[in-house]
């Protein structure tokens, strides 16, 4: 997406949004944001590049509505030649098409799997 900039009480700011897509059987798309001119330049994310993105997720309320904010704090480029091998080593959702992001961790196993389904709760 195009870079946006402005001026606030703290000074000038720049931000850029990126749309990512996973390599899953049913690809999923998501948008994340890089805030700050120095980070935009340092990460240098290009369309079609394979990268791993670490990000924070937060939400804020404005006029009675809630908005999600997914902001990248680190981006690592992946060697294109190594991508097929990494697909089997990385958790799903960590690689994508243009650019790719993820900060996913494997889903935790259910600690109660295989145990009796008797509910001993009083409610």
N, C-alpha and C. Protein backbone atom coordinates (compact mmCIF):
# COMPACT_ATOMS: atom_id res chain seq x y z
N UNK A 1 0.85 -1.17 0.00
CA UNK A 1 0.00 0.00 0.00
C UNK A 1 0.90 1.24 0.00
N UNK A 2 0.38 2.36 -0.42
CA UNK A 2 1.20 3.58 -0.45
C UNK A 2 1.59 4.04 0.96
N UNK A 3 2.76 4.64 1.04
CA UNK A 3 3.25 5.19 2.29
C UNK A 3 2.40 6.42 2.66
N UNK A 4 2.12 6.58 3.96
CA UNK A 4 1.40 7.76 4.44
C UNK A 4 2.29 8.50 5.42
N UNK A 5 2.12 9.81 5.49
CA UNK A 5 2.92 10.60 6.42
C UNK A 5 2.09 11.77 6.92
N UNK A 6 2.58 12.38 7.99
CA UNK A 6 1.90 13.53 8.56
C UNK A 6 2.74 14.15 9.66
N UNK A 7 2.14 15.11 10.35
CA UNK A 7 2.82 15.80 11.44
C UNK A 7 1.90 15.77 12.65
N UNK A 8 2.47 15.40 13.79
CA UNK A 8 1.72 15.40 15.05
C UNK A 8 2.43 16.28 16.05
N UNK A 9 1.94 16.30 17.27
CA UNK A 9 2.59 17.08 18.32
C UNK A 9 4.02 16.61 18.58
N UNK A 10 4.30 15.33 18.28
CA UNK A 10 5.64 14.77 18.47
C UNK A 10 6.55 14.97 17.28
N UNK A 11 6.03 15.47 16.18
CA UNK A 11 6.84 15.69 14.98
C UNK A 11 6.30 14.92 13.79
N UNK A 12 7.13 14.78 12.76
CA UNK A 12 6.73 14.07 11.55
C UNK A 12 6.65 12.57 11.79
N UNK A 13 5.74 11.90 11.07
CA UNK A 13 5.62 10.45 11.15
C UNK A 13 5.35 9.88 9.77
N UNK A 14 5.73 8.61 9.59
CA UNK A 14 5.47 7.87 8.35
C UNK A 14 5.00 6.48 8.72
N UNK A 15 4.12 5.94 7.91
CA UNK A 15 3.61 4.60 8.12
C UNK A 15 3.31 3.97 6.77
N UNK A 16 3.40 2.65 6.70
CA UNK A 16 3.09 1.94 5.47
C UNK A 16 2.43 0.61 5.82
N UNK A 17 1.35 0.29 5.09
CA UNK A 17 0.64 -0.97 5.28
C UNK A 17 1.06 -1.96 4.21
N UNK A 18 1.07 -3.24 4.58
CA UNK A 18 1.41 -4.33 3.67
C UNK A 18 0.34 -5.40 3.77
N UNK A 19 -0.02 -6.00 2.65
CA UNK A 19 -0.96 -7.11 2.63
C UNK A 19 -0.14 -8.37 2.44
N UNK A 20 -0.41 -9.37 3.28
CA UNK A 20 0.34 -10.62 3.23
C UNK A 20 -0.58 -11.77 2.88
N UNK A 21 0.01 -12.84 2.42
CA UNK A 21 -0.74 -14.05 2.10
C UNK A 21 0.11 -15.26 2.46
N UNK A 22 -0.50 -16.25 3.08
CA UNK A 22 0.23 -17.45 3.49
C UNK A 22 0.32 -18.43 2.33
N UNK A 23 1.14 -19.47 2.49
CA UNK A 23 1.29 -20.53 1.51
C UNK A 23 0.44 -21.75 1.87
N UNK A 24 -0.53 -21.60 2.75
CA UNK A 24 -1.37 -22.71 3.20
C UNK A 24 -2.20 -23.27 2.05
N UNK A 25 -2.80 -24.43 2.26
CA UNK A 25 -3.70 -25.03 1.27
C UNK A 25 -4.83 -24.06 0.93
N UNK A 26 -5.33 -23.36 1.92
CA UNK A 26 -6.33 -22.32 1.74
C UNK A 26 -5.70 -21.01 2.21
N UNK A 27 -5.00 -20.30 1.30
CA UNK A 27 -4.25 -19.10 1.70
C UNK A 27 -5.13 -18.07 2.40
N UNK A 28 -4.55 -17.47 3.40
CA UNK A 28 -5.23 -16.41 4.15
C UNK A 28 -4.47 -15.11 3.94
N UNK A 29 -5.21 -14.01 3.94
CA UNK A 29 -4.61 -12.69 3.77
C UNK A 29 -4.81 -11.87 5.03
N UNK A 30 -3.86 -10.96 5.26
CA UNK A 30 -3.90 -10.10 6.42
C UNK A 30 -3.11 -8.83 6.11
N UNK A 31 -3.46 -7.73 6.75
CA UNK A 31 -2.72 -6.50 6.56
C UNK A 31 -1.99 -6.16 7.86
N UNK A 32 -0.72 -5.73 7.73
CA UNK A 32 0.03 -5.27 8.90
C UNK A 32 0.66 -3.94 8.55
N UNK A 33 1.15 -3.25 9.58
CA UNK A 33 1.64 -1.90 9.45
C UNK A 33 3.07 -1.78 9.96
N UNK A 34 3.88 -0.99 9.26
CA UNK A 34 5.22 -0.63 9.73
C UNK A 34 5.18 0.87 9.99
N UNK A 35 5.50 1.25 11.23
CA UNK A 35 5.44 2.66 11.62
C UNK A 35 6.84 3.20 11.82
N UNK A 36 7.13 4.32 11.18
CA UNK A 36 8.42 4.99 11.32
C UNK A 36 9.24 4.90 10.05
N UNK A 37 9.74 6.06 9.60
CA UNK A 37 10.53 6.12 8.37
C UNK A 37 11.77 5.23 8.45
N UNK A 38 12.43 5.20 9.62
CA UNK A 38 13.65 4.39 9.75
C UNK A 38 13.34 2.90 9.64
N UNK A 39 12.22 2.44 10.18
CA UNK A 39 11.86 1.02 10.06
C UNK A 39 11.44 0.67 8.63
N UNK A 40 10.68 1.54 8.00
CA UNK A 40 10.27 1.30 6.61
C UNK A 40 11.50 1.13 5.74
N UNK A 41 12.47 2.01 5.91
CA UNK A 41 13.71 1.94 5.13
C UNK A 41 14.55 0.72 5.50
N UNK A 42 14.67 0.42 6.78
CA UNK A 42 15.49 -0.70 7.24
C UNK A 42 14.90 -2.04 6.79
N UNK A 43 13.57 -2.21 6.91
CA UNK A 43 12.95 -3.47 6.51
C UNK A 43 12.94 -3.63 4.99
N UNK A 44 12.78 -2.54 4.24
CA UNK A 44 12.83 -2.53 2.77
C UNK A 44 12.03 -3.69 2.17
N UNK A 45 10.78 -3.81 2.54
CA UNK A 45 9.91 -4.89 2.07
C UNK A 45 9.48 -4.60 0.64
N UNK A 46 9.66 -5.60 -0.23
CA UNK A 46 9.30 -5.47 -1.64
C UNK A 46 8.21 -6.49 -1.99
N UNK A 47 7.36 -6.15 -2.94
CA UNK A 47 6.30 -7.04 -3.40
C UNK A 47 6.92 -8.33 -3.92
N UNK A 48 6.36 -9.47 -3.51
CA UNK A 48 6.82 -10.77 -3.95
C UNK A 48 7.93 -11.36 -3.12
N UNK A 49 8.46 -10.59 -2.19
CA UNK A 49 9.57 -11.03 -1.35
C UNK A 49 9.06 -12.00 -0.27
N UNK A 50 9.88 -12.98 0.06
CA UNK A 50 9.57 -13.92 1.13
C UNK A 50 10.24 -13.41 2.40
N UNK A 51 9.43 -13.14 3.43
CA UNK A 51 9.96 -12.61 4.68
C UNK A 51 9.23 -13.22 5.86
N UNK A 52 9.84 -13.13 7.02
CA UNK A 52 9.19 -13.48 8.28
C UNK A 52 9.03 -12.17 9.04
N UNK A 53 7.82 -11.90 9.49
CA UNK A 53 7.52 -10.65 10.18
C UNK A 53 7.08 -10.95 11.60
N UNK A 54 7.71 -10.28 12.56
CA UNK A 54 7.28 -10.35 13.95
C UNK A 54 6.43 -9.11 14.21
N UNK A 55 5.27 -9.30 14.83
CA UNK A 55 4.39 -8.15 15.01
C UNK A 55 3.63 -8.23 16.32
N UNK A 56 3.13 -7.06 16.74
CA UNK A 56 2.27 -6.93 17.91
C UNK A 56 0.85 -6.69 17.43
N UNK A 57 -0.11 -7.24 18.15
CA UNK A 57 -1.52 -7.03 17.84
C UNK A 57 -2.15 -6.27 18.99
N UNK A 58 -2.88 -5.23 18.66
CA UNK A 58 -3.55 -4.42 19.67
C UNK A 58 -4.89 -3.96 19.09
N UNK A 59 -5.77 -3.49 19.93
CA UNK A 59 -7.06 -2.95 19.48
C UNK A 59 -7.31 -1.64 20.21
N UNK A 60 -8.06 -0.76 19.56
CA UNK A 60 -8.40 0.51 20.19
C UNK A 60 -9.86 0.83 19.88
N UNK A 61 -10.46 1.60 20.76
CA UNK A 61 -11.86 2.00 20.60
C UNK A 61 -11.91 3.45 20.12
N UNK A 62 -12.79 3.72 19.16
CA UNK A 62 -12.99 5.07 18.67
C UNK A 62 -14.47 5.23 18.33
N UNK A 63 -15.14 6.15 18.98
CA UNK A 63 -16.57 6.42 18.76
C UNK A 63 -17.42 5.15 18.87
N UNK A 64 -17.14 4.35 19.88
CA UNK A 64 -17.95 3.17 20.12
C UNK A 64 -17.64 1.98 19.23
N UNK A 65 -16.63 2.07 18.38
CA UNK A 65 -16.23 0.95 17.52
C UNK A 65 -14.80 0.57 17.85
N UNK A 66 -14.49 -0.71 17.66
CA UNK A 66 -13.15 -1.22 17.94
C UNK A 66 -12.41 -1.49 16.63
N UNK A 67 -11.11 -1.15 16.61
CA UNK A 67 -10.26 -1.32 15.44
C UNK A 67 -9.00 -2.09 15.84
N UNK A 68 -8.64 -3.08 15.05
CA UNK A 68 -7.42 -3.85 15.30
C UNK A 68 -6.23 -3.14 14.70
N UNK A 69 -5.09 -3.28 15.35
CA UNK A 69 -3.84 -2.71 14.87
C UNK A 69 -2.79 -3.81 14.92
N UNK A 70 -2.24 -4.16 13.76
CA UNK A 70 -1.21 -5.19 13.66
C UNK A 70 0.06 -4.47 13.19
N UNK A 71 1.01 -4.27 14.10
CA UNK A 71 2.19 -3.45 13.81
C UNK A 71 3.46 -4.30 13.87
N UNK A 72 4.23 -4.31 12.77
CA UNK A 72 5.48 -5.07 12.70
C UNK A 72 6.57 -4.38 13.50
N UNK A 73 7.36 -5.18 14.23
CA UNK A 73 8.52 -4.63 14.92
C UNK A 73 9.82 -5.24 14.42
N UNK A 74 9.74 -6.31 13.60
CA UNK A 74 10.94 -6.90 13.02
C UNK A 74 10.57 -7.62 11.73
N UNK A 75 11.43 -7.52 10.73
CA UNK A 75 11.23 -8.21 9.45
C UNK A 75 12.55 -8.84 9.06
N UNK A 76 12.52 -10.15 8.77
CA UNK A 76 13.72 -10.86 8.31
C UNK A 76 13.45 -11.38 6.90
N UNK A 77 14.39 -11.13 6.01
CA UNK A 77 14.25 -11.64 4.64
C UNK A 77 14.69 -13.09 4.60
N UNK A 78 14.04 -13.87 3.74
CA UNK A 78 14.33 -15.28 3.58
C UNK A 78 15.00 -15.48 2.23
N UNK A 79 16.04 -16.30 2.20
CA UNK A 79 16.72 -16.64 0.95
C UNK A 79 15.73 -17.39 0.06
N UNK A 80 15.48 -16.88 -1.13
CA UNK A 80 14.50 -17.48 -2.06
C UNK A 80 14.83 -18.94 -2.36
N UNK A 81 16.10 -19.31 -2.42
CA UNK A 81 16.50 -20.69 -2.72
C UNK A 81 16.13 -21.64 -1.58
N UNK A 82 16.02 -21.11 -0.36
CA UNK A 82 15.75 -21.94 0.80
C UNK A 82 14.26 -22.05 1.12
N UNK A 83 13.41 -21.34 0.40
CA UNK A 83 11.98 -21.31 0.72
C UNK A 83 11.33 -22.69 0.72
N UNK A 84 11.50 -23.56 -0.28
CA UNK A 84 10.83 -24.86 -0.23
C UNK A 84 11.19 -25.67 1.01
N UNK A 85 12.44 -25.64 1.44
CA UNK A 85 12.85 -26.40 2.62
C UNK A 85 12.23 -25.80 3.88
N UNK A 86 12.08 -24.50 3.94
CA UNK A 86 11.54 -23.87 5.13
C UNK A 86 10.04 -24.09 5.27
N UNK A 87 9.35 -24.39 4.19
CA UNK A 87 7.91 -24.60 4.28
C UNK A 87 7.60 -25.76 5.21
N UNK A 88 8.46 -26.75 5.26
CA UNK A 88 8.21 -27.90 6.13
C UNK A 88 8.69 -27.64 7.55
N UNK A 89 9.58 -26.66 7.74
CA UNK A 89 10.13 -26.41 9.06
C UNK A 89 9.37 -25.33 9.83
N UNK A 90 8.64 -24.45 9.15
CA UNK A 90 7.98 -23.34 9.79
C UNK A 90 6.53 -23.69 10.11
N UNK A 91 5.98 -23.14 11.19
CA UNK A 91 4.56 -23.32 11.46
C UNK A 91 3.73 -22.70 10.35
N UNK A 92 2.55 -23.23 10.12
CA UNK A 92 1.68 -22.67 9.09
C UNK A 92 1.43 -21.21 9.37
N UNK A 93 1.33 -20.42 8.30
CA UNK A 93 1.03 -19.01 8.43
C UNK A 93 2.24 -18.13 8.57
N UNK A 94 3.45 -18.70 8.56
CA UNK A 94 4.63 -17.86 8.73
C UNK A 94 5.23 -17.41 7.40
N UNK A 95 4.88 -18.08 6.33
CA UNK A 95 5.40 -17.68 5.03
C UNK A 95 4.25 -17.27 4.14
N UNK A 96 4.51 -16.41 3.18
CA UNK A 96 3.45 -15.98 2.28
C UNK A 96 3.99 -15.49 0.97
N UNK A 97 3.12 -14.90 0.19
CA UNK A 97 3.46 -14.52 -1.17
C UNK A 97 4.01 -13.12 -1.32
N UNK A 98 3.35 -12.10 -0.82
CA UNK A 98 3.71 -10.78 -1.26
C UNK A 98 3.41 -9.69 -0.28
N UNK A 99 4.28 -9.24 0.44
CA UNK A 99 5.26 -9.87 1.29
C UNK A 99 4.57 -10.82 2.27
N UNK A 100 5.35 -11.58 2.98
CA UNK A 100 4.80 -12.60 3.85
C UNK A 100 5.10 -12.26 5.28
N UNK A 101 4.18 -12.58 6.15
CA UNK A 101 4.42 -12.26 7.55
C UNK A 101 3.89 -13.34 8.45
N UNK A 102 4.31 -13.28 9.64
CA UNK A 102 3.75 -14.17 10.64
C UNK A 102 4.51 -14.07 11.92
N UNK A 103 3.85 -14.29 12.96
CA UNK A 103 4.45 -14.35 14.28
C UNK A 103 3.74 -15.48 15.00
N UNK A 104 3.40 -16.50 14.20
CA UNK A 104 2.58 -17.59 14.72
C UNK A 104 3.42 -18.57 15.51
N UNK A 105 2.81 -19.15 16.48
CA UNK A 105 3.43 -20.23 17.22
C UNK A 105 2.56 -21.45 17.02
N UNK A 106 3.12 -22.65 17.11
CA UNK A 106 2.30 -23.83 16.93
C UNK A 106 1.16 -23.85 17.95
N UNK A 107 0.03 -24.37 17.55
CA UNK A 107 -1.13 -24.44 18.42
C UNK A 107 -0.82 -25.41 19.55
N UNK A 108 -1.10 -24.99 20.77
CA UNK A 108 -0.83 -25.84 21.93
C UNK A 108 -1.77 -27.04 21.91
N UNK A 109 -1.23 -28.16 22.33
CA UNK A 109 -2.04 -29.37 22.41
C UNK A 109 -3.01 -29.24 23.58
N UNK A 110 -4.20 -29.83 23.44
CA UNK A 110 -5.21 -29.82 24.49
C UNK A 110 -4.71 -30.67 25.65
N UNK A 111 -4.48 -30.09 26.84
CA UNK A 111 -3.96 -30.87 27.97
C UNK A 111 -4.96 -31.89 28.48
N UNK A 112 -6.24 -31.76 28.10
CA UNK A 112 -7.26 -32.66 28.58
C UNK A 112 -7.68 -33.69 27.53
N UNK A 113 -6.97 -33.73 26.40
CA UNK A 113 -7.32 -34.68 25.35
C UNK A 113 -7.16 -36.10 25.88
N UNK A 114 -8.12 -36.96 25.59
CA UNK A 114 -8.05 -38.35 26.01
C UNK A 114 -8.56 -38.59 27.42
N UNK A 115 -8.89 -37.52 28.16
CA UNK A 115 -9.40 -37.70 29.51
C UNK A 115 -10.92 -37.79 29.47
N UNK A 116 -11.50 -38.25 30.55
CA UNK A 116 -12.93 -38.38 30.65
C UNK A 116 -13.61 -37.03 30.45
N UNK A 117 -14.77 -37.04 29.82
CA UNK A 117 -15.49 -35.81 29.55
C UNK A 117 -16.50 -35.48 30.65
N UNK A 118 -16.35 -36.13 31.80
CA UNK A 118 -17.26 -35.86 32.93
C UNK A 118 -16.98 -34.45 33.44
N UNK A 119 -18.02 -33.65 33.50
CA UNK A 119 -17.89 -32.26 33.96
C UNK A 119 -18.18 -32.21 35.45
N UNK A 120 -17.18 -31.86 36.25
CA UNK A 120 -17.37 -31.80 37.69
C UNK A 120 -17.59 -30.39 38.19
N UNK A 121 -17.83 -29.44 37.28
CA UNK A 121 -18.07 -28.06 37.68
C UNK A 121 -19.50 -27.91 38.21
N UNK A 122 -19.72 -27.05 39.20
CA UNK A 122 -21.05 -26.90 39.79
C UNK A 122 -22.02 -26.07 38.95
N UNK A 123 -21.66 -25.60 37.82
CA UNK A 123 -22.56 -24.78 36.99
C UNK A 123 -22.57 -25.25 35.56
